[in-house]
Amino acid sequence: MSHSSSGDRFTEILRRDALAPFFWARKLPDRIESKGIPQCFLGHRLTNGDGIFADWDWDGQRLHIRNDRYGFLPLYYFVSPSEIGVSPSIPRLLSLGAPSDLDDGALSVFLRVGYMLGEDTPFKEIRNLPPGADFSWDGELQKRPGGLWTGKRQELGREDALDGYISLFRAAMGKRPPTQEDFVMPLTGGKDSRHIVLELCERGHKIGSCVTMKHFPPRPNDDAEIAAELTALLDLDHIVLPQPETRFEAELRKNIRTNFCSDEHQWSIALADYLIGRTNCIYDGLAGDILTSSNLQTIEHLHLFAACDFETLARKLMRQTESAANVVQGFRYRAMNRELAVEKLSNELKRHANAPNPISSYYFWNRTRREIALIPYCILRDIPTVYTPFLDHDLYDFLSSLPGEMVIGTDFHAAAIKRGYPRFANLRFQDRKTPPCPNFPFYRSFAFQAMRYVLEERSTLLRKSYVVPRLLRCMIDEEYSDSVNWLAPLSIYLLQLEELTGTCLDFPSGYGPVLHD
């Protein structure tokens, strides 16, 4: 393992993550030996069985592993002929002896869409628990996965559908009262968090303050302006948090916190740092967009689903250039080739063909579940209660039953908010067409830090002959410099991933980690 300054920082971050709970057991000829926490519950469960959670329970003879119907709270496991390990942390599982062989198929997709599919992780033998799972192990693993949950298509008129949405969202919020007064509410300029804030105020709950993150360049910061307009109308305190000067550190921490399953979310690290210790409860608008009006969905996608042309659809959903894949060494690039990614993505798309809105279903169970959910349930995991009301069972069943033609391109969610809260109908939403705000000095600094990391670390995975000249160009060519926004994060990701495979974590006594080079 490298002893570079960046490598040492990686080790420090990894050491903190290694404190995550785990359970491990091995079957011997005359007994089963185990270590770790025998009972663990993560997330929250409501009285009616609703909620987002995962747990395991070891009774001395049999291990049970379960989660809720969605499986949005990541729980990872590995199984060999004689042992099993489970933890919300992939580095923890590697420390327990899970094989570190990379999964070329999973990474072939990741390089081209930015998230993992299904139960994939970057590691071949480590899997993400599927939704609605009920596993047991007594020396052998028995799986009873629940599968994908989708509502039955409803032929409602738009007005009835809007009324149903408004009513069910209010009921969902009623089941999830805050666990403390003066809690902190993350707020953006978009629809999901606004819907939550308006309903909380409608119910008379006391929000201590709303907090909005500024973004790293080039993303504009109209979020903060729009959130300020809303909080002023509601007479709520509003705090705008700046991003740290260095994006490099945020990338290092994000990769560990998301278990190398996301190419996004570096912006949310500063939010997590702010919230921890300030609030015991937050609300997150997870899945609100993809169930109602996401810009990721198009009528063309629906037509390709209707024609069962999954291969064409898969190619359209992937990045159109191979720039991201080109950062990988040649022999690895051949193993993680584009056609393998197309095959895997096509097979996943087929699973959603019969859903009322198949493109929404695909994104919900993959990008939303495997990437976007990593903010509330990984990066913000130290907040005791994180409510995601759009995942309320009744609300989800209703929204997932609406035909794609009703919500795609119609701004269905905005219409529901304006109808439900007419006082705020004229308040603007964030406009995704707002031009970017480039920042050459910021890009140059980020490129320099990434370049130093690339040059310090030995690698058989990263294609340095491709990466280094382009990072250098980002430092001197203002017109090209925004390329650092994809080139540097991916280079950092691959170097950390490779460094993780060469790291040995050991737990010689108790549960406290000792990290060995």
Foldseek 3Di string as FASTA:
>chain_A
DFPDPVVVLLVVLLQVLLLFFKKKWFDDPVAIDIDTDQKDKAWDAFPVRDTWIWIWHDPRQKIKTWTAQQLLQWKKKFDDQTMIMITSFPLNVVQVPFALAFDLLQVLQCLWQFFGFAFDARGPGMTTQGGGWIWMDRSDIDTDRPDHDFAAADDDDLVVLLVVLLVLLLVLVVSPDFPDAQAEEEFWLAQQSVLVVVSCVVVPGHHNAYEYEADDFQADRCRQVLVVVVCVVVVHHYYYHYDDLALVSLLSNVCRLLNNGGLDDSRCLVVLVVRQPRHQEYEDQQLPCLLFEPPLDDVVLLVCLVVLVLLVSQCVSTHVDCLSLVQWDPVSCVSSDNVSNSVVRSVLLVVQSPFLASVSSSCCSIVRSGPVSSSVNGSNSSRNHYHHSCSGPVNRNSSRNYHPVSRYPPPSSLVSSCVSPVVCNPRDGDDPPPDTHDDLVSLLVNLVVLLVVLVSDDDNTGPCVSQNVLSVCLNPPVVSVVVCSSRSSSSSSRRSSVVSSVWHWHDPDHSNIDTDD
